[in-house]
Amino acid sequence: MPVRANVKHPLKHARINDNKKVFLYDDVYQNQRDIHTMPLTIKDVQQVAHLARLQLSDADLNKSLADMNSLLGLVEKMNAADTESVSPMAHPQDLQQPLRTDEVTEINQRELFQQNAPAVENELYLVPTVIE
């Protein structure tokens, strides 16, 4: 079981795990670009597999290690992008939902439909009581 220790620093926190990896991040996660990660090891992948209750072969461990390190590299590249002047968006494409005008397009056929009903009162369908 890995032992974790939190080390306080005036500007940053450092989280150190059992592999002596250091992850730096600011106190309130305001600037995600300050995250620096070291590549994962086979032991890290084994730990993740254990937590996920997966039994992986050596080949699968090596493939997972490469995939995870590739993914973390992509995340680091994305975090390095300058997004200060970019406003948040709800959708990547600036589209407007076309709305139709709210008009009645069909005539009221309630009386026609209620002719086949066994019981109607005040233009409402009457149904038998199920629960007393």
Protein backbone atom coordinates (compact mmCIF):
# COMPACT_ATOMS: atom_id res chain seq x y z
CA MET A 1 0.00 0.00 0.00
CA PRO A 2 1.54 3.34 -1.03
CA VAL A 3 2.30 5.86 1.66
CA ARG A 4 1.41 9.43 0.81
CA ALA A 5 2.76 12.56 2.46
CA ASN A 6 1.68 16.15 1.95
CA VAL A 7 4.44 18.75 2.16
CA LYS A 8 3.34 22.36 2.62
CA HIS A 9 5.13 25.18 0.82
CA PRO A 10 4.12 28.86 0.97
CA LEU A 11 3.15 28.95 -2.71
CA LYS A 12 2.67 25.34 -3.69
CA HIS A 13 1.83 21.95 -2.25
CA ALA A 14 3.86 18.91 -3.15
CA ARG A 15 2.41 15.44 -2.98
CA ILE A 16 5.01 12.72 -2.67
CA ASN A 17 4.06 9.09 -3.16
CA ASP A 18 6.00 5.91 -2.45
CA ASN A 19 7.93 6.19 -5.75
CA LYS A 20 9.34 9.57 -4.69
CA LYS A 21 7.42 11.33 -7.46
CA VAL A 22 6.64 14.96 -6.81
CA PHE A 23 3.51 16.59 -8.16
CA LEU A 24 3.27 20.36 -7.84
CA TYR A 25 -0.05 22.19 -7.94
CA ASP A 26 -1.37 25.43 -6.56
CA ASP A 27 -3.58 25.62 -3.51
CA VAL A 28 -6.84 26.33 -5.31
CA TYR A 29 -6.09 24.73 -8.69
CA GLN A 30 -6.40 28.12 -10.40
CA ASN A 31 -3.49 27.58 -12.76
CA GLN A 32 -3.54 24.04 -14.07
CA ARG A 33 -0.44 24.74 -16.18
CA ASP A 34 1.69 24.40 -13.03
CA ILE A 35 1.11 20.65 -12.92
CA HIS A 36 4.27 18.71 -13.63
CA THR A 37 4.06 14.94 -13.71
CA MET A 38 6.74 12.36 -14.16
CA PRO A 39 6.08 9.35 -16.41
CA LEU A 40 4.22 6.48 -14.83
CA THR A 41 5.96 3.21 -14.05
CA ILE A 42 4.85 -0.39 -14.31
CA LYS A 43 4.27 -0.32 -10.55
CA ASP A 44 1.79 2.56 -11.01
CA VAL A 45 -0.11 0.63 -13.68
CA GLN A 46 -0.14 -2.46 -11.46
CA GLN A 47 -1.59 -0.36 -8.63
CA VAL A 48 -4.32 1.06 -10.92
CA ALA A 49 -5.09 -2.45 -12.21
CA HIS A 50 -5.32 -3.72 -8.62
CA LEU A 51 -7.71 -0.91 -7.66
CA ALA A 52 -9.82 -1.67 -10.75
CA ARG A 53 -9.69 -5.37 -9.90
CA LEU A 54 -8.07 -6.15 -13.27
CA GLN A 55 -5.61 -8.95 -13.86
CA LEU A 56 -3.27 -7.82 -16.65
CA SER A 57 -0.57 -9.81 -18.41
CA ASP A 58 2.92 -8.34 -18.83
CA ALA A 59 2.10 -7.39 -22.42
CA ASP A 60 -1.10 -5.65 -21.32
CA LEU A 61 0.78 -3.86 -18.53
CA ASN A 62 3.34 -2.51 -21.00
CA LYS A 63 0.63 -1.44 -23.46
CA SER A 64 -1.37 0.21 -20.67
CA LEU A 65 1.76 1.98 -19.45
CA ALA A 66 2.43 3.38 -22.91
CA ASP A 67 -1.21 4.40 -23.34
CA MET A 68 -1.39 6.11 -19.93
CA ASN A 69 1.90 7.97 -20.43
CA SER A 70 0.71 9.08 -23.88
CA LEU A 71 -2.55 10.32 -22.39
CA LEU A 72 -0.78 12.19 -19.60
CA GLY A 73 1.55 13.75 -22.19
CA LEU A 74 -1.48 14.96 -24.13
CA VAL A 75 -2.98 16.45 -20.97
CA GLU A 76 0.29 18.28 -20.25
CA LYS A 77 0.26 19.73 -23.77
CA MET A 78 -3.34 20.85 -23.34
CA ASN A 79 -2.54 22.42 -19.98
CA ALA A 80 0.35 24.31 -21.55
CA ALA A 81 -1.96 26.07 -24.03
CA ASP A 82 -2.69 29.73 -23.26
CA THR A 83 -6.42 29.96 -22.59
CA GLU A 84 -6.51 33.25 -20.68
CA SER A 85 -8.38 35.09 -23.46
CA VAL A 86 -10.77 32.22 -24.27
CA SER A 87 -14.22 32.45 -22.76
CA PRO A 88 -15.95 29.24 -21.61
CA MET A 89 -18.37 27.68 -24.08
CA ALA A 90 -21.30 25.32 -23.66
CA HIS A 91 -20.60 23.75 -27.06
CA PRO A 92 -17.58 23.85 -29.40
CA GLN A 93 -19.69 25.13 -32.28
CA ASP A 94 -21.49 28.45 -32.01
CA LEU A 95 -24.88 27.26 -33.21
CA GLN A 96 -28.36 28.60 -32.56
CA GLN A 97 -31.27 26.22 -32.12
CA PRO A 98 -33.85 27.11 -34.78
CA LEU A 99 -37.21 27.48 -33.10
CA ARG A 100 -40.53 27.43 -34.88
CA THR A 101 -43.24 29.90 -34.05
CA ASP A 102 -45.69 28.71 -31.39
CA GLU A 103 -48.84 28.41 -33.48
CA VAL A 104 -51.79 26.02 -33.33
CA THR A 105 -51.58 23.87 -36.45
CA GLU A 106 -54.30 21.29 -35.78
CA ILE A 107 -57.96 21.67 -35.00
CA ASN A 108 -59.44 20.47 -31.70
CA GLN A 109 -60.88 16.96 -32.24
CA ARG A 110 -61.66 16.13 -28.60
CA GLU A 111 -65.36 15.44 -29.23
CA LEU A 112 -64.54 13.08 -32.09
CA PHE A 113 -62.04 11.12 -29.98
CA GLN A 114 -64.26 10.99 -26.89
CA GLN A 115 -67.16 9.46 -28.86
CA ASN A 116 -65.47 6.06 -28.53
CA ALA A 117 -64.77 6.41 -24.79
CA PRO A 118 -67.01 4.39 -22.44
CA ALA A 119 -67.39 7.28 -19.96
CA VAL A 120 -66.78 11.03 -20.32
CA GLU A 121 -67.65 13.90 -18.00
CA ASN A 122 -66.83 17.63 -18.51
CA GLU A 123 -64.65 16.71 -21.50
CA LEU A 124 -62.54 14.35 -19.33
CA TYR A 125 -62.16 10.58 -19.63
CA LEU A 126 -63.59 8.67 -16.66
CA VAL A 127 -61.76 5.55 -15.58
CA PRO A 128 -62.73 2.93 -12.99
CA THR A 129 -61.30 3.24 -9.49
CA VAL A 130 -58.36 0.89 -9.03
CA ILE A 131 -57.38 1.64 -5.42
CA GLU A 132 -60.04 2.29 -2.78
